[in-house]
Protein backbone atom coordinates (compact mmCIF):
# COMPACT_ATOMS: atom_id res chain seq x y z
CA MET A 1 0.02 -0.01 0.01
CA ALA A 2 2.82 2.38 0.89
CA ARG A 3 4.41 1.81 -2.51
CA TYR A 4 1.22 2.70 -4.33
CA LEU A 5 0.83 5.86 -2.32
CA LEU A 6 4.48 6.80 -2.99
CA LEU A 7 3.97 6.20 -6.73
CA PHE A 8 0.74 8.27 -6.71
CA PHE A 9 2.28 11.28 -5.02
CA SER A 10 5.40 11.00 -7.19
CA LEU A 11 3.31 11.12 -10.35
CA LEU A 12 1.17 13.93 -8.88
CA ILE A 13 4.14 16.10 -8.09
CA ALA A 14 5.82 15.29 -11.44
CA GLY A 15 2.66 16.07 -13.25
CA ALA A 16 2.42 19.43 -11.69
CA GLY A 17 5.37 20.64 -13.82
CA ALA A 18 4.59 18.53 -16.83
CA HIS A 19 2.82 21.32 -18.71
CA ALA A 20 3.54 24.96 -19.16
CA GLN A 21 2.26 27.07 -16.24
CA THR A 22 1.17 30.64 -15.86
CA THR A 23 4.00 32.24 -13.91
CA LEU A 24 5.36 35.60 -12.92
CA GLN A 25 9.06 35.93 -12.28
CA GLY A 26 11.76 38.63 -12.20
CA SER A 27 14.42 40.25 -10.10
CA VAL A 28 14.55 42.94 -7.38
CA LYS A 29 17.62 45.24 -7.33
CA ASP A 30 18.93 48.44 -5.74
CA GLN A 31 18.12 51.34 -8.09
CA GLU A 32 21.45 53.09 -7.50
CA THR A 33 23.95 50.30 -7.33
CA GLY A 34 22.18 47.54 -9.27
CA GLU A 35 22.95 45.04 -6.45
CA PRO A 36 20.31 42.29 -5.89
CA ILE A 37 17.98 42.54 -2.93
CA LEU A 38 18.29 39.39 -0.85
CA PHE A 39 15.25 37.91 0.88
CA GLY A 40 13.08 40.85 0.01
CA SER A 41 9.33 40.45 0.54
CA VAL A 42 7.25 40.18 -2.68
CA ALA A 43 3.45 40.24 -2.37
CA LEU A 44 0.90 39.61 -5.15
CA TYR A 45 -2.58 41.25 -5.07
CA LYS A 46 -5.57 40.74 -7.34
CA ASN A 47 -8.56 43.04 -7.07
CA GLY A 48 -7.03 44.36 -3.84
CA VAL A 49 -6.99 40.86 -2.28
CA LEU A 50 -3.66 39.27 -1.31
CA SER A 51 -3.17 36.28 -3.60
CA THR A 52 0.18 34.94 -2.56
CA GLY A 53 3.68 36.04 -1.44
CA THR A 54 7.29 35.01 -1.56
CA GLU A 55 10.87 36.13 -0.94
CA THR A 56 13.74 36.86 -3.23
CA ASP A 57 16.71 34.50 -3.35
CA PHE A 58 20.47 35.08 -3.14
CA ASP A 59 20.46 36.56 -6.63
CA GLY A 60 17.44 38.82 -5.95
CA ASN A 61 15.11 36.64 -8.03
CA TYR A 62 11.52 35.79 -7.23
CA ASN A 63 9.05 33.37 -8.88
CA PHE A 64 5.24 32.87 -8.66
CA THR A 65 3.84 29.71 -10.16
CA GLU A 66 0.31 28.36 -10.79
CA LEU A 67 -1.26 31.83 -11.08
CA ASP A 68 -4.66 32.60 -12.44
CA PRO A 69 -4.42 34.84 -15.53
CA GLY A 70 -5.50 38.41 -14.98
CA THR A 71 -4.37 41.84 -13.76
CA TYR A 72 -2.30 42.01 -10.60
CA GLU A 73 -0.48 44.43 -8.36
CA VAL A 74 3.04 43.54 -7.16
CA GLU A 75 4.31 45.03 -3.92
CA VAL A 76 7.98 44.72 -2.90
CA SER A 77 9.35 45.74 0.52
CA TYR A 78 12.72 45.46 2.30
CA VAL A 79 14.23 47.09 5.38
CA GLY A 80 16.02 50.34 4.47
CA TYR A 81 14.14 50.80 1.14
CA ALA A 82 10.96 52.52 0.15
CA LYS A 83 8.14 50.17 -0.56
CA GLN A 84 7.49 49.73 -4.24
CA ARG A 85 4.11 48.88 -5.77
CA VAL A 86 3.62 48.07 -9.53
CA THR A 87 0.01 48.28 -10.69
CA GLY A 88 -1.72 46.87 -13.81
CA VAL A 89 0.61 43.87 -14.15
CA LYS A 90 -0.85 41.75 -17.02
CA VAL A 91 -0.29 38.04 -16.28
CA LEU A 92 -1.01 36.22 -19.50
CA ALA A 93 -2.32 32.65 -19.54
CA GLY A 94 0.14 29.84 -20.05
CA LYS A 95 3.24 32.15 -20.26
CA ALA A 96 6.29 32.95 -18.24
CA ASN A 97 5.53 36.59 -17.47
CA LYS A 98 8.49 38.77 -16.36
CA LEU A 99 8.71 41.86 -14.12
CA ASP A 100 11.94 43.32 -12.81
CA ILE A 101 11.70 45.87 -9.96
CA GLU A 102 14.22 48.41 -8.59
CA LEU A 103 13.92 49.74 -5.03
CA THR A 104 14.94 53.22 -3.93
CA PRO A 105 17.02 53.48 -0.71
CA ALA A 106 15.04 54.93 2.25
CA GLY A 107 17.64 57.72 2.64
CA VAL A 108 16.30 59.27 -0.54
CA VAL A 109 12.54 58.69 -0.05
CA LEU A 110 11.10 58.35 3.44
CA ASP A 111 7.84 56.73 4.51
CA GLU A 112 6.47 56.56 0.98
CA VAL A 113 5.17 53.92 -1.32
CA VAL A 114 6.42 54.31 -4.86
CA VAL A 115 3.61 53.38 -7.30
CA THR A 116 4.42 52.71 -10.91
CA GLU A 117 2.35 51.51 -13.89
CA TYR A 118 3.26 48.24 -15.55
CA ARG A 119 4.47 48.37 -19.16
CA VAL A 120 3.84 45.45 -21.47
CA PRO A 121 7.21 44.17 -22.80
CA LEU A 122 7.83 44.31 -26.54
CA VAL A 123 9.27 40.79 -26.63
CA GLU A 124 7.52 37.85 -24.87
CA GLN A 125 9.98 35.33 -23.39
CA ASP A 126 9.25 31.62 -23.45
CA ASN A 127 6.25 32.09 -25.69
CA THR A 128 5.78 28.66 -27.35
CA THR A 129 2.13 29.09 -28.40
CA GLN A 130 0.50 31.07 -31.20
CA GLY A 131 -2.63 33.06 -30.70
CA ALA A 132 -3.64 36.11 -28.73
CA VAL A 133 -4.80 37.23 -25.29
CA ILE A 134 -7.64 39.72 -24.83
CA THR A 135 -7.91 41.42 -21.44
CA SER A 136 -11.01 42.83 -19.79
CA ASP A 137 -9.94 46.38 -20.55
CA GLN A 138 -9.68 45.49 -24.27
CA ILE A 139 -13.05 43.74 -24.24
CA LYS A 140 -14.66 46.99 -22.91
CA ASN A 141 -13.40 48.89 -25.92
CA LEU A 142 -14.38 46.35 -28.61
CA PRO A 143 -17.73 46.95 -30.38
CA THR A 144 -19.24 43.53 -29.62
CA ARG A 145 -20.56 41.59 -26.72
CA ASN A 146 -20.31 38.11 -28.36
CA ILE A 147 -17.47 35.90 -27.17
CA ASN A 148 -17.00 34.29 -30.59
CA ALA A 149 -16.89 37.71 -32.19
CA LEU A 150 -14.25 38.78 -29.63
CA ALA A 151 -12.14 35.74 -30.41
CA ALA A 152 -12.56 36.25 -34.16
CA THR A 153 -10.43 39.40 -33.89
CA THR A 154 -7.40 37.06 -33.60
CA ALA A 155 -5.49 36.22 -36.78
CA GLY A 156 -6.28 32.72 -38.15
CA LEU A 157 -9.92 32.69 -36.85
CA ALA A 158 -13.00 32.92 -39.06
CA SER A 159 -16.77 32.71 -38.73
CA ALA A 160 -19.56 32.86 -41.29
CA ASP A 161 -21.37 35.64 -39.48
CA GLU A 162 -20.77 37.68 -36.32
CA GLY A 163 -21.21 35.41 -33.32
CA ASP A 164 -21.32 32.19 -35.36
CA ASN A 165 -19.17 29.14 -34.53
CA ILE A 166 -15.47 29.71 -34.82
CA SER A 167 -13.15 27.98 -37.26
CA ILE A 168 -9.48 28.07 -36.39
CA ARG A 169 -6.87 27.79 -39.17
CA GLY A 170 -9.30 26.14 -41.59
CA SER A 171 -10.47 23.40 -39.25
CA ARG A 172 -14.18 22.57 -38.72
CA ASP A 173 -15.98 24.70 -36.13
CA ASN A 174 -16.61 21.61 -33.95
CA ALA A 175 -12.84 21.25 -33.54
CA THR A 176 -12.71 24.46 -31.45
CA ASP A 177 -12.61 23.68 -27.72
CA TYR A 178 -13.83 26.06 -25.01
CA TYR A 179 -12.46 26.26 -21.45
CA ILE A 180 -13.76 28.31 -18.48
CA ASP A 181 -11.38 28.56 -15.52
CA GLY A 182 -9.51 25.46 -16.69
CA ILE A 183 -12.55 23.25 -17.28
CA ARG A 184 -13.71 22.25 -20.73
CA VAL A 185 -17.31 23.30 -21.34
CA GLN A 186 -20.03 23.02 -23.90
CA GLY A 187 -23.28 24.93 -24.36
CA ASN A 188 -23.71 28.59 -23.71
CA LEU A 189 -20.84 30.71 -22.42
CA ILE A 190 -20.85 33.44 -19.78
CA PRO A 191 -21.40 37.17 -20.47
CA GLU A 192 -18.37 39.04 -21.69
CA SER A 193 -18.58 41.42 -18.73
CA GLU A 194 -17.47 38.57 -16.42
CA ILE A 195 -14.32 37.78 -18.41
CA ASP A 196 -11.07 38.78 -16.79
CA GLN A 197 -8.97 37.38 -19.67
CA LEU A 198 -9.73 35.56 -22.91
CA GLN A 199 -6.92 33.50 -24.47
CA VAL A 200 -7.09 32.16 -28.07
CA ILE A 201 -4.57 29.39 -28.86
CA THR A 202 -4.18 28.65 -32.55
CA GLY A 203 -0.93 26.67 -32.51
CA GLY A 204 1.69 25.14 -30.25
CA ILE A 205 -1.03 23.70 -28.01
CA GLU A 206 0.19 22.50 -24.62
CA ALA A 207 -0.03 18.88 -23.50
CA GLN A 208 -2.56 19.78 -20.73
CA TYR A 209 -5.32 20.24 -23.41
CA GLY A 210 -4.85 16.76 -24.92
CA ASP A 211 -5.69 15.95 -28.51
CA VAL A 212 -6.97 19.16 -30.12
CA THR A 213 -7.32 19.28 -33.92
CA GLY A 214 -8.49 22.88 -34.11
CA GLY A 215 -7.78 25.41 -31.48
CA ILE A 216 -8.58 26.58 -27.88
CA ILE A 217 -10.62 29.48 -26.56
CA SER A 218 -9.85 29.75 -22.79
CA ILE A 219 -11.74 32.10 -20.48
CA THR A 220 -10.72 33.24 -17.04
CA THR A 221 -13.54 34.76 -14.97
CA LYS A 222 -13.36 37.75 -12.64
CA GLY A 223 -12.93 37.18 -8.96
CA PRO A 224 -14.03 38.90 -5.73
CA SER A 225 -12.67 42.29 -4.70
CA SER A 226 -11.23 43.37 -1.37
CA GLN A 227 -13.97 45.96 -0.79
CA PHE A 228 -17.68 45.92 -1.57
CA SER A 229 -18.33 47.16 -5.07
CA GLY A 230 -21.05 46.80 -7.66
CA GLY A 231 -22.33 48.11 -10.90
CA ILE A 232 -25.47 48.35 -13.06
CA GLU A 233 -25.58 48.60 -16.78
CA ALA A 234 -28.46 49.16 -19.18
CA GLU A 235 -28.79 49.96 -22.84
CA THR A 236 -31.41 49.85 -25.49
CA SER A 237 -31.88 50.60 -29.15
CA ARG A 238 -35.62 50.95 -28.89
CA PHE A 239 -35.48 54.65 -29.85
CA THR A 240 -32.84 54.39 -32.59
CA ASP A 241 -33.71 51.35 -34.76
CA PRO A 242 -36.56 48.89 -35.19
CA PHE A 243 -34.71 45.88 -33.78
CA ASN A 244 -35.35 46.84 -30.08
CA GLN A 245 -32.19 45.31 -28.68
CA SER A 246 -32.16 45.91 -24.96
CA LEU A 247 -29.84 44.81 -22.09
CA VAL A 248 -29.77 45.25 -18.35
CA GLY A 249 -27.19 43.74 -16.00
CA PHE A 250 -25.61 43.99 -12.57
CA ASN A 251 -22.63 42.82 -10.63
CA LEU A 252 -21.78 42.74 -6.89
CA SER A 253 -18.46 41.81 -5.33
CA GLY A 254 -16.79 41.96 -1.97
CA PRO A 255 -15.47 40.12 1.11
CA ILE A 256 -17.58 37.85 3.30
CA PHE A 257 -15.00 37.23 6.02
CA GLN A 258 -11.83 39.19 6.71
CA ARG A 259 -8.94 38.64 9.17
CA THR A 260 -7.43 41.64 11.01
CA GLU A 261 -3.62 41.60 10.91
CA ALA A 262 -1.22 42.84 13.61
CA ASP A 263 -0.77 46.28 11.87
CA GLY A 264 -4.53 46.81 11.74
CA SER A 265 -4.96 45.95 8.04
CA LYS A 266 -7.58 43.44 6.92
CA THR A 267 -6.94 40.37 4.77
CA SER A 268 -9.81 38.79 2.85
CA ILE A 269 -10.28 35.17 3.72
CA LEU A 270 -13.61 34.53 1.90
CA GLY A 271 -14.96 36.64 -0.90
CA PHE A 272 -17.72 36.54 -3.45
CA ARG A 273 -18.78 37.89 -6.82
CA VAL A 274 -22.25 37.57 -8.39
CA ALA A 275 -23.48 38.94 -11.65
CA GLY A 276 -26.63 38.76 -13.76
CA ARG A 277 -27.86 39.91 -17.14
CA LEU A 278 -31.09 40.05 -19.10
CA THR A 279 -31.01 40.40 -22.89
CA ASP A 280 -34.09 41.04 -25.04
CA GLN A 281 -34.11 41.43 -28.83
CA LEU A 282 -37.00 41.79 -31.24
CA ASP A 283 -34.77 40.55 -34.07
CA ASP A 284 -31.65 38.69 -33.01
CA ASP A 285 -30.04 38.59 -36.51
CA PRO A 286 -31.03 41.73 -38.48
CA THR A 287 -30.64 41.71 -42.27
CA ALA A 288 -29.09 44.46 -44.40
CA VAL A 289 -32.18 44.66 -46.66
CA ASN A 290 -35.91 44.99 -46.10
CA VAL A 291 -37.97 41.86 -45.23
CA TYR A 292 -41.28 41.16 -47.01
CA ARG A 293 -44.30 39.81 -45.25
CA ILE A 294 -47.95 39.22 -46.17
CA LYS A 295 -50.36 41.87 -44.97
CA ASP A 296 -52.69 40.90 -42.13
CA GLN A 297 -55.79 41.37 -44.24
CA SER A 298 -54.46 39.15 -47.03
CA LEU A 299 -53.36 36.53 -44.51
CA ALA A 300 -56.81 36.45 -42.99
CA GLN A 301 -58.34 35.87 -46.44
CA LEU A 302 -55.92 33.02 -47.17
CA GLU A 303 -56.64 31.33 -43.86
CA ALA A 304 -60.42 31.58 -44.50
CA ASN A 305 -60.21 30.50 -48.15
CA PRO A 306 -56.97 28.59 -48.80
CA ILE A 307 -58.44 27.01 -52.00
CA ILE A 308 -60.16 28.77 -54.87
CA GLU A 309 -62.07 27.30 -57.80
CA LEU A 310 -61.61 28.49 -61.43
CA GLY A 311 -63.40 26.73 -64.27
CA GLY A 312 -64.21 23.77 -62.09
CA ASN A 313 -60.57 23.30 -61.06
CA GLN A 314 -59.13 23.97 -57.56
CA PHE A 315 -56.02 26.10 -57.04
CA VAL A 316 -53.95 27.26 -54.09
CA ALA A 317 -54.99 30.77 -53.29
CA ALA A 318 -51.50 31.79 -52.28
CA ASP A 319 -50.39 31.31 -55.94
CA PHE A 320 -52.45 34.36 -56.92
CA LEU A 321 -50.90 36.86 -54.51
CA THR A 322 -49.68 40.14 -55.98
CA ASN A 323 -47.37 42.86 -54.76
CA GLU A 324 -50.35 44.62 -53.17
CA ASP A 325 -50.71 41.68 -50.72
CA VAL A 326 -47.20 42.06 -49.16
CA GLU A 327 -45.41 44.84 -47.33
CA ALA A 328 -41.76 45.67 -46.65
CA ILE A 329 -40.78 45.85 -42.98
CA ASP A 330 -37.43 46.70 -41.40
CA TYR A 331 -37.05 43.59 -39.20
CA GLN A 332 -37.62 39.88 -39.38
CA PRO A 333 -40.99 39.22 -37.70
CA PHE A 334 -41.40 36.70 -34.94
CA GLU A 335 -37.65 36.31 -34.44
CA ASP A 336 -37.59 37.60 -30.84
CA TYR A 337 -34.90 36.41 -28.46
CA GLN A 338 -34.49 36.49 -24.68
CA ARG A 339 -31.49 35.39 -22.58
CA TYR A 340 -31.03 35.20 -18.80
CA ASP A 341 -27.56 34.82 -17.27
CA LEU A 342 -26.51 34.41 -13.64
CA THR A 343 -22.98 33.72 -12.52
CA ALA A 344 -21.47 33.40 -8.98
CA LYS A 345 -17.98 32.86 -7.66
CA LEU A 346 -16.59 32.14 -4.19
CA ASP A 347 -12.89 32.36 -3.31
CA ALA A 348 -11.63 31.06 0.03
CA ARG A 349 -8.03 31.36 1.26
CA LEU A 350 -7.75 28.60 3.84
CA SER A 351 -4.08 29.24 4.54
CA GLU A 352 -1.02 31.00 3.06
CA ALA A 353 -0.60 27.96 0.78
CA ILE A 354 -4.16 26.66 0.18
CA ASP A 355 -7.01 28.34 -1.69
CA VAL A 356 -10.38 27.02 -2.81
CA THR A 357 -12.64 28.36 -5.58
CA PHE A 358 -16.22 27.52 -6.54
CA THR A 359 -17.83 28.93 -9.66
CA GLY A 360 -21.43 28.48 -10.73
CA ALA A 361 -23.39 29.62 -13.74
CA PHE A 362 -26.93 29.40 -15.06
CA ASN A 363 -28.15 30.38 -18.53
CA ARG A 364 -31.52 30.27 -20.17
CA GLU A 365 -32.37 31.15 -23.75
CA GLU A 366 -35.77 31.56 -25.44
CA ASN A 367 -35.50 31.94 -29.17
CA ARG A 368 -38.03 32.04 -31.96
CA PHE A 369 -36.56 31.31 -35.34
CA THR A 370 -37.34 30.59 -38.96
CA PRO A 371 -36.94 26.83 -39.64
CA ASN A 372 -34.93 25.55 -42.58
CA GLU A 373 -33.19 28.92 -43.05
CA ASP A 374 -30.72 27.41 -45.50
CA SER A 375 -33.42 25.87 -47.75
CA ARG A 376 -35.30 27.20 -50.70
CA THR A 377 -38.52 27.32 -48.64
CA LEU A 378 -37.13 30.09 -46.48
CA ALA A 379 -38.64 32.94 -48.60
CA ASN A 380 -42.11 31.41 -48.74
CA TRP A 381 -42.15 30.61 -45.00
CA ARG A 382 -40.95 34.06 -43.99
CA VAL A 383 -43.51 35.82 -46.24
CA LEU A 384 -46.53 33.67 -45.48
CA ASN A 385 -45.95 31.68 -42.26
CA SER A 386 -43.54 33.60 -39.99
CA HIS A 387 -46.28 33.92 -37.33
CA ASN A 388 -45.97 30.20 -36.83
CA ASN A 389 -42.22 30.27 -36.23
CA PRO A 390 -41.22 27.60 -33.64
CA ILE A 391 -39.59 28.40 -30.34
CA GLU A 392 -36.59 26.76 -28.60
CA PHE A 393 -35.54 26.72 -24.99
CA ASP A 394 -31.94 26.14 -24.00
CA ARG A 395 -30.84 25.93 -20.37
CA THR A 396 -27.36 25.37 -19.09
CA PHE A 397 -26.28 24.56 -15.49
CA ARG A 398 -22.56 24.68 -14.71
CA GLY A 399 -20.47 24.30 -11.59
CA ASN A 400 -16.61 24.23 -11.09
CA PHE A 401 -14.64 23.44 -7.97
CA ARG A 402 -10.86 23.93 -7.55
CA PHE A 403 -8.52 23.09 -4.69
CA ARG A 404 -4.97 24.45 -5.04
CA HIS A 405 -2.05 23.74 -2.73
CA ARG A 406 1.31 25.50 -3.16
CA LEU A 407 4.21 23.54 -1.61
CA GLY A 408 7.39 25.19 -0.34
CA GLY A 409 6.29 28.74 -1.14
CA GLY A 410 7.38 30.58 -4.21
CA ALA A 411 11.17 30.28 -3.80
CA THR A 412 13.30 29.76 -6.86
CA GLU A 413 15.47 26.75 -7.46
CA GLU A 414 18.72 28.51 -6.51
CA ASP A 415 17.80 28.95 -2.84
CA ARG A 416 16.49 25.44 -2.06
CA ALA A 417 19.68 24.64 -0.13
CA SER A 418 19.42 27.80 2.03
CA LYS A 419 15.73 27.12 2.95
CA GLY A 420 16.39 23.48 3.81
CA ALA A 421 12.98 22.30 2.63
CA LEU A 422 12.58 19.12 0.72
CA ILE A 423 10.05 20.58 -1.77
CA GLN A 424 10.30 24.11 -3.10
CA ASN A 425 8.26 26.01 -5.74
CA ALA A 426 5.76 23.13 -6.38
CA SER A 427 2.03 22.89 -6.34
CA TYR A 428 -0.86 20.66 -7.27
CA THR A 429 -4.47 21.35 -8.18
CA LEU A 430 -7.60 19.28 -7.84
CA GLN A 431 -10.34 20.47 -10.14
CA PHE A 432 -13.86 19.15 -10.85
CA GLY A 433 -16.55 20.39 -13.17
CA TYR A 434 -20.26 19.65 -13.71
CA GLU A 435 -22.38 20.74 -16.64
CA LYS A 436 -25.95 19.94 -17.77
CA GLU A 437 -27.75 21.30 -20.75
CA LEU A 438 -31.49 20.96 -21.41
CA TYR A 439 -32.91 21.73 -24.84
CA ASP A 440 -36.53 21.84 -25.97
CA HIS A 441 -38.03 22.69 -29.37
CA TYR A 442 -41.74 23.39 -29.70
CA ASP A 443 -44.42 24.79 -31.92
CA PHE A 444 -45.07 28.27 -30.50
CA ASN A 445 -48.78 27.75 -30.10
CA HIS A 446 -48.90 24.08 -29.00
CA GLU A 447 -45.70 23.81 -26.96
CA GLU A 448 -46.17 20.72 -24.67
CA ASN A 449 -49.81 20.08 -25.70
CA TRP A 450 -48.76 16.94 -27.57
CA PHE A 451 -52.25 15.96 -28.74
CA ASN A 452 -52.63 19.25 -30.67
CA TYR A 453 -49.80 18.36 -32.98
CA GLY A 454 -51.03 16.97 -36.36
CA TYR A 455 -54.56 18.17 -35.81
CA ILE A 456 -55.82 19.95 -38.91
CA GLY A 457 -59.44 20.76 -38.04
CA ARG A 458 -62.97 19.97 -39.02
CA PHE A 459 -64.19 19.99 -42.63
């Protein structure tokens, strides 16, 4: 039994470094002399919440492994030097991110914290993958809310229409895999407002993803903040176009439990983030030209007298329609769409080395659509029968759980001997995901009244 346990933990620890990790590393030096700062304290914050910390080694180097992609703040302190804080540090997924910091002696600056803005390096070191990373700040500035449309801004990606399925480097669209917080998912994705970072991998795919024939779209969700914060958004096109596209959403984030430190500061132990959104559209896929539909009066006449007799022969009355029986409208009728999204996230820091995360999401879609849109019957259906467009319901339930344990702190390999610990700079992660999707497709009028289907009427 002991041999099996030893083999299991050996494979577990070896597997922790088997694939490329998201890391942040660099050096800390004296600004005047260029000498390395030994055993300086380096703290990593995300949304104002302390994520992890480490010390520099004999060469002034530090290293953080197994990080969640996103935007961080790095704070460095050492006796005799002014505290340095670098804000807006972009930690990109699956890459070895680098940040070098210089400290100013306290004789020059007293009792101050030097705050600097992070600058993205022109050359990415250890970049073995092809693709792109889109941050939350970039998502805000892009003129789309669809995740596939966001990803399609990357070179090598294509879609037939905005928001349609993605094809990567000529592969079929079903060869594109989607990940949320490290778990492969299917079904509907989350709102773009809850994305902290979106990574598109088109080549050089890491071993952790397995056998992928197309590409990867990996999403990292936003986490809790150190202070209570929230927001409300609302927009509508009801007064500017005939499509009546409206949206209302909210988000709320903050700590649930905090620990008071010796210096009076508070450290978040348990935090939450919850967000919701309602989307309503009269026409979810507007066309560039007018749409023609039969007038209500002409439709009523057809329904009352679908057959006409001429010279003793019977004919379909719809074959005798003229231009006077149809009208041009600006939107596709009976193509309304509603979507409801609710996401929640809990982050718990059980100790300096252990953190637990739970993420849940619920999505519901109600969509009326024109059947057989790719067939030749589309025009006749849309003109004469759009009021009978079917309706589909799509519901997605999703839950992710992650347990992460960092072993030996964040020390680099060079100072293992000085620390005297058996394991340094290692970690393992246990992650589980659950997803369920329910799909229903009905006639709009009958829905679940099964005995009404196929009933024509009395004659």
